Amino acid sequence: MNDDNFYSINRLVDFGMSIAIAQQMVKTMNHAMSNMQTPIQSQPPQSIYYAIIDGSQAGPFSESETSRLIAERKITVETNMWKPGMMSWQPASKMPDVLRLVVLAPPPFKSEI
């Protein structure tokens, strides 16, 4: 019998052994993954902000409170702000996380009536 033929006994044995090895690898990986502990996903802590509003230091404000003050136009990109970890007060325009809140704030509503 020709050994180059797919149906030769040597090829069939090799094929069968390959399948058996692949099944064992899958079984081992499934077992390892089922015993793996994954860290619990938690919400990252929200930033705390301070702002100079009407000439006075105000805060601390949570991210949601800062968003509300942005929507009320009490905090703008020119407002000096600070958060823990910063060396000095900076305009909101230099704080990427505050700029993200500014961009997400709705524009002022003007009635057409």
N, C-alpha and C. Protein backbone atom coordinates (compact mmCIF):
# COMPACT_ATOMS: atom_id res chain seq x y z
N MET A 1 0.84 -1.18 0.00
CA MET A 1 0.00 0.00 0.00
C MET A 1 0.88 1.25 0.00
N ASN A 2 0.46 2.28 -0.67
CA ASN A 2 1.22 3.50 -0.82
C ASN A 2 1.07 4.36 0.45
N ASP A 3 2.21 4.77 1.06
CA ASP A 3 2.18 5.57 2.29
C ASP A 3 1.77 7.01 2.03
N ASP A 4 1.80 7.48 0.79
CA ASP A 4 1.40 8.84 0.46
C ASP A 4 -0.11 8.99 0.40
N ASN A 5 -0.82 7.91 0.35
CA ASN A 5 -2.27 7.92 0.28
C ASN A 5 -2.83 8.35 1.64
N PHE A 6 -3.82 9.25 1.64
CA PHE A 6 -4.43 9.73 2.88
C PHE A 6 -5.01 8.58 3.70
N TYR A 7 -5.50 7.59 3.04
CA TYR A 7 -6.16 6.48 3.73
C TYR A 7 -5.19 5.39 4.16
N SER A 8 -3.90 5.60 4.01
CA SER A 8 -2.93 4.59 4.47
C SER A 8 -3.02 4.51 5.99
N ILE A 9 -2.68 3.37 6.53
CA ILE A 9 -2.81 3.12 7.97
C ILE A 9 -1.97 4.10 8.79
N ASN A 10 -0.77 4.44 8.29
CA ASN A 10 0.09 5.38 9.01
C ASN A 10 -0.55 6.77 9.09
N ARG A 11 -1.13 7.21 7.98
CA ARG A 11 -1.78 8.52 7.96
C ARG A 11 -3.00 8.54 8.88
N LEU A 12 -3.76 7.47 8.87
CA LEU A 12 -4.95 7.41 9.72
C LEU A 12 -4.57 7.39 11.20
N VAL A 13 -3.49 6.69 11.53
CA VAL A 13 -3.03 6.66 12.93
C VAL A 13 -2.54 8.05 13.33
N ASP A 14 -1.77 8.72 12.48
CA ASP A 14 -1.30 10.08 12.77
C ASP A 14 -2.48 11.03 12.96
N PHE A 15 -3.45 10.91 12.09
CA PHE A 15 -4.64 11.76 12.17
C PHE A 15 -5.38 11.52 13.49
N GLY A 16 -5.57 10.26 13.85
CA GLY A 16 -6.25 9.91 15.09
C GLY A 16 -5.51 10.41 16.31
N MET A 17 -4.18 10.28 16.29
CA MET A 17 -3.38 10.77 17.42
C MET A 17 -3.46 12.30 17.52
N SER A 18 -3.47 12.97 16.38
CA SER A 18 -3.59 14.43 16.39
C SER A 18 -4.91 14.87 17.00
N ILE A 19 -5.98 14.19 16.64
CA ILE A 19 -7.30 14.50 17.20
C ILE A 19 -7.30 14.27 18.71
N ALA A 20 -6.72 13.16 19.15
CA ALA A 20 -6.68 12.85 20.58
C ALA A 20 -5.88 13.90 21.35
N ILE A 21 -4.76 14.32 20.79
CA ILE A 21 -3.94 15.35 21.44
C ILE A 21 -4.70 16.68 21.51
N ALA A 22 -5.37 17.05 20.43
CA ALA A 22 -6.15 18.29 20.40
C ALA A 22 -7.27 18.25 21.43
N GLN A 23 -7.95 17.10 21.56
CA GLN A 23 -9.02 16.98 22.55
C GLN A 23 -8.47 17.09 23.97
N GLN A 24 -7.31 16.51 24.21
CA GLN A 24 -6.70 16.61 25.53
C GLN A 24 -6.31 18.05 25.84
N MET A 25 -5.79 18.76 24.84
CA MET A 25 -5.43 20.17 25.04
C MET A 25 -6.67 21.00 25.37
N VAL A 26 -7.76 20.78 24.67
CA VAL A 26 -9.01 21.50 24.93
C VAL A 26 -9.50 21.21 26.34
N LYS A 27 -9.46 19.94 26.73
CA LYS A 27 -9.90 19.55 28.07
C LYS A 27 -9.04 20.24 29.14
N THR A 28 -7.74 20.25 28.95
CA THR A 28 -6.82 20.88 29.91
C THR A 28 -7.08 22.39 30.00
N MET A 29 -7.25 23.03 28.85
CA MET A 29 -7.51 24.49 28.84
C MET A 29 -8.85 24.82 29.48
N ASN A 30 -9.88 24.04 29.20
CA ASN A 30 -11.19 24.26 29.82
C ASN A 30 -11.11 24.12 31.33
N HIS A 31 -10.37 23.10 31.79
CA HIS A 31 -10.21 22.90 33.23
C HIS A 31 -9.47 24.08 33.85
N ALA A 32 -8.39 24.51 33.22
CA ALA A 32 -7.61 25.63 33.74
C ALA A 32 -8.44 26.91 33.78
N MET A 33 -9.21 27.14 32.74
CA MET A 33 -10.01 28.37 32.69
C MET A 33 -11.16 28.34 33.68
N SER A 34 -11.73 27.17 33.94
CA SER A 34 -12.83 27.10 34.89
C SER A 34 -12.34 27.29 36.32
N ASN A 35 -11.08 27.00 36.60
CA ASN A 35 -10.51 27.19 37.93
C ASN A 35 -9.84 28.56 38.10
N MET A 36 -9.78 29.33 37.03
CA MET A 36 -9.13 30.62 37.08
C MET A 36 -10.01 31.63 37.82
N GLN A 37 -9.39 32.39 38.70
CA GLN A 37 -10.13 33.43 39.41
C GLN A 37 -9.91 34.75 38.70
N THR A 38 -11.00 35.43 38.43
CA THR A 38 -10.91 36.72 37.77
C THR A 38 -11.20 37.81 38.78
N PRO A 39 -10.49 38.93 38.70
CA PRO A 39 -10.74 40.00 39.65
C PRO A 39 -12.13 40.59 39.44
N ILE A 40 -12.72 41.04 40.51
CA ILE A 40 -14.04 41.65 40.45
C ILE A 40 -13.89 43.05 39.85
N GLN A 41 -14.69 43.31 38.83
CA GLN A 41 -14.67 44.62 38.21
C GLN A 41 -15.47 45.59 39.07
N SER A 42 -14.84 46.65 39.50
CA SER A 42 -15.54 47.66 40.29
C SER A 42 -15.43 49.00 39.58
N GLN A 43 -16.30 49.87 39.97
CA GLN A 43 -16.28 51.20 39.38
C GLN A 43 -15.04 51.95 39.88
N PRO A 44 -14.33 52.62 38.97
CA PRO A 44 -13.18 53.40 39.44
C PRO A 44 -13.68 54.55 40.31
N PRO A 45 -12.89 54.95 41.28
CA PRO A 45 -13.34 56.05 42.13
C PRO A 45 -13.52 57.32 41.31
N GLN A 46 -14.57 58.06 41.62
CA GLN A 46 -14.82 59.30 40.88
C GLN A 46 -13.85 60.37 41.35
N SER A 47 -13.50 61.23 40.44
CA SER A 47 -12.61 62.33 40.77
C SER A 47 -13.34 63.36 41.62
N ILE A 48 -12.57 64.04 42.43
CA ILE A 48 -13.08 65.14 43.25
C ILE A 48 -12.46 66.41 42.67
N TYR A 49 -13.29 67.41 42.46
CA TYR A 49 -12.82 68.67 41.87
C TYR A 49 -13.12 69.85 42.80
N TYR A 50 -12.26 70.84 42.72
CA TYR A 50 -12.48 72.13 43.37
C TYR A 50 -12.45 73.17 42.26
N ALA A 51 -13.20 74.25 42.44
CA ALA A 51 -13.26 75.28 41.40
C ALA A 51 -13.32 76.65 42.05
N ILE A 52 -12.87 77.64 41.31
CA ILE A 52 -13.02 79.03 41.74
C ILE A 52 -14.31 79.53 41.08
N ILE A 53 -15.34 79.72 41.90
CA ILE A 53 -16.64 80.17 41.42
C ILE A 53 -16.97 81.49 42.10
N ASP A 54 -17.27 82.50 41.31
CA ASP A 54 -17.56 83.85 41.82
C ASP A 54 -16.44 84.36 42.73
N GLY A 55 -15.18 84.06 42.36
CA GLY A 55 -14.02 84.57 43.09
C GLY A 55 -13.66 83.80 44.34
N SER A 56 -14.39 82.74 44.67
CA SER A 56 -14.11 81.97 45.88
C SER A 56 -13.89 80.50 45.55
N GLN A 57 -13.07 79.87 46.38
CA GLN A 57 -12.84 78.43 46.22
C GLN A 57 -14.10 77.69 46.63
N ALA A 58 -14.54 76.77 45.79
CA ALA A 58 -15.73 75.97 46.08
C ALA A 58 -15.41 74.51 45.84
N GLY A 59 -16.07 73.66 46.58
CA GLY A 59 -15.86 72.23 46.42
C GLY A 59 -15.68 71.60 47.78
N PRO A 60 -15.48 70.33 47.83
CA PRO A 60 -15.23 69.43 46.71
C PRO A 60 -16.51 69.07 45.97
N PHE A 61 -16.37 68.85 44.67
CA PHE A 61 -17.49 68.47 43.82
C PHE A 61 -17.19 67.10 43.21
N SER A 62 -18.20 66.26 43.17
CA SER A 62 -18.07 64.98 42.48
C SER A 62 -18.13 65.26 40.98
N GLU A 63 -17.91 64.23 40.19
CA GLU A 63 -17.99 64.39 38.73
C GLU A 63 -19.40 64.81 38.31
N SER A 64 -20.42 64.22 38.93
CA SER A 64 -21.79 64.57 38.56
C SER A 64 -22.13 66.00 38.98
N GLU A 65 -21.63 66.44 40.14
CA GLU A 65 -21.86 67.83 40.56
C GLU A 65 -21.13 68.79 39.63
N THR A 66 -19.93 68.42 39.22
CA THR A 66 -19.17 69.27 38.29
C THR A 66 -19.92 69.37 36.96
N SER A 67 -20.48 68.27 36.49
CA SER A 67 -21.27 68.29 35.25
C SER A 67 -22.46 69.23 35.38
N ARG A 68 -23.12 69.19 36.54
CA ARG A 68 -24.27 70.07 36.77
C ARG A 68 -23.84 71.54 36.75
N LEU A 69 -22.71 71.85 37.39
CA LEU A 69 -22.20 73.24 37.40
C LEU A 69 -21.79 73.69 36.00
N ILE A 70 -21.29 72.77 35.19
CA ILE A 70 -20.95 73.10 33.80
C ILE A 70 -22.23 73.41 33.03
N ALA A 71 -23.27 72.59 33.22
CA ALA A 71 -24.54 72.81 32.53
C ALA A 71 -25.18 74.14 32.95
N GLU A 72 -24.97 74.52 34.21
CA GLU A 72 -25.50 75.80 34.71
C GLU A 72 -24.60 76.98 34.35
N ARG A 73 -23.53 76.72 33.64
CA ARG A 73 -22.56 77.74 33.20
C ARG A 73 -21.83 78.41 34.36
N LYS A 74 -21.75 77.73 35.51
CA LYS A 74 -20.98 78.25 36.65
C LYS A 74 -19.51 77.85 36.52
N ILE A 75 -19.27 76.74 35.79
CA ILE A 75 -17.91 76.32 35.46
C ILE A 75 -17.79 76.34 33.94
N THR A 76 -16.77 77.05 33.46
CA THR A 76 -16.50 77.12 32.02
C THR A 76 -15.06 76.66 31.79
N VAL A 77 -14.64 76.67 30.55
CA VAL A 77 -13.26 76.25 30.24
C VAL A 77 -12.24 77.21 30.83
N GLU A 78 -12.65 78.45 31.16
CA GLU A 78 -11.74 79.42 31.74
C GLU A 78 -11.66 79.31 33.26
N THR A 79 -12.57 78.59 33.89
CA THR A 79 -12.61 78.47 35.34
C THR A 79 -11.36 77.75 35.84
N ASN A 80 -10.73 78.33 36.87
CA ASN A 80 -9.58 77.67 37.49
C ASN A 80 -10.09 76.54 38.36
N MET A 81 -9.44 75.37 38.20
CA MET A 81 -9.86 74.18 38.92
C MET A 81 -8.64 73.45 39.47
N TRP A 82 -8.93 72.59 40.44
CA TRP A 82 -7.88 71.78 41.04
C TRP A 82 -8.50 70.46 41.45
N LYS A 83 -7.69 69.39 41.41
CA LYS A 83 -8.11 68.10 41.93
C LYS A 83 -6.90 67.48 42.62
N PRO A 84 -7.14 66.57 43.56
CA PRO A 84 -6.01 65.95 44.26
C PRO A 84 -5.00 65.36 43.28
N GLY A 85 -3.73 65.63 43.56
CA GLY A 85 -2.65 65.16 42.71
C GLY A 85 -2.07 66.26 41.83
N MET A 86 -2.80 67.36 41.66
CA MET A 86 -2.31 68.47 40.84
C MET A 86 -1.41 69.36 41.68
N MET A 87 -0.39 69.95 41.06
CA MET A 87 0.54 70.83 41.76
C MET A 87 -0.06 72.22 41.98
N SER A 88 -0.89 72.68 41.05
CA SER A 88 -1.44 74.02 41.17
C SER A 88 -2.79 74.09 40.45
N TRP A 89 -3.48 75.19 40.65
CA TRP A 89 -4.76 75.42 39.98
C TRP A 89 -4.49 75.61 38.49
N GLN A 90 -5.40 75.09 37.68
CA GLN A 90 -5.28 75.17 36.22
C GLN A 90 -6.63 75.56 35.64
N PRO A 91 -6.64 76.23 34.49
CA PRO A 91 -7.93 76.44 33.81
C PRO A 91 -8.52 75.09 33.41
N ALA A 92 -9.81 74.99 33.43
CA ALA A 92 -10.49 73.74 33.06
C ALA A 92 -10.07 73.28 31.68
N SER A 93 -9.71 74.21 30.81
CA SER A 93 -9.30 73.85 29.45
C SER A 93 -8.03 73.01 29.42
N LYS A 94 -7.27 72.98 30.52
CA LYS A 94 -6.03 72.19 30.58
C LYS A 94 -6.22 70.88 31.32
N MET A 95 -7.47 70.57 31.67
CA MET A 95 -7.77 69.33 32.38
C MET A 95 -8.63 68.45 31.49
N PRO A 96 -8.04 67.43 30.86
CA PRO A 96 -8.79 66.60 29.90
C PRO A 96 -10.07 65.97 30.47
N ASP A 97 -10.04 65.57 31.74
CA ASP A 97 -11.24 64.94 32.30
C ASP A 97 -12.37 65.95 32.48
N VAL A 98 -12.04 67.21 32.77
CA VAL A 98 -13.08 68.24 32.88
C VAL A 98 -13.55 68.66 31.48
N LEU A 99 -12.63 68.73 30.53
CA LEU A 99 -13.02 69.06 29.15
C LEU A 99 -14.01 68.03 28.61
N ARG A 100 -13.82 66.77 28.99
CA ARG A 100 -14.77 65.72 28.57
C ARG A 100 -16.16 66.04 29.11
N LEU A 101 -16.23 66.51 30.34
CA LEU A 101 -17.53 66.89 30.92
C LEU A 101 -18.12 68.10 30.22
N VAL A 102 -17.28 69.05 29.83
CA VAL A 102 -17.75 70.24 29.11
C VAL A 102 -18.35 69.84 27.77
N VAL A 103 -17.68 68.95 27.08
CA VAL A 103 -18.15 68.50 25.76
C VAL A 103 -19.47 67.75 25.89
N LEU A 104 -19.65 67.01 26.98
CA LEU A 104 -20.87 66.23 27.18
C LEU A 104 -22.06 67.07 27.67
N ALA A 105 -21.78 68.30 28.12
CA ALA A 105 -22.86 69.15 28.63
C ALA A 105 -23.73 69.64 27.46
N PRO A 106 -25.04 69.68 27.67
CA PRO A 106 -25.92 70.16 26.59
C PRO A 106 -25.76 71.67 26.40
N PRO A 107 -26.00 72.16 25.19
CA PRO A 107 -25.93 73.60 24.96
C PRO A 107 -27.11 74.28 25.65
N PRO A 108 -26.99 75.59 25.91
CA PRO A 108 -28.12 76.28 26.55
C PRO A 108 -29.35 76.26 25.65
N PHE A 109 -30.51 76.12 26.26
CA PHE A 109 -31.77 76.08 25.51
C PHE A 109 -32.30 77.49 25.36
N LYS A 110 -32.64 77.87 24.13
CA LYS A 110 -33.22 79.17 23.85
C LYS A 110 -34.58 78.95 23.22
N SER A 111 -35.58 79.45 23.87
CA SER A 111 -36.95 79.30 23.35
C SER A 111 -37.13 80.17 22.13
N GLU A 112 -37.76 79.64 21.12
CA GLU A 112 -38.00 80.35 19.87
C GLU A 112 -39.31 81.14 19.92
N ILE A 113 -40.01 81.08 21.01
CA ILE A 113 -41.34 81.73 21.09
C ILE A 113 -41.20 83.16 21.49
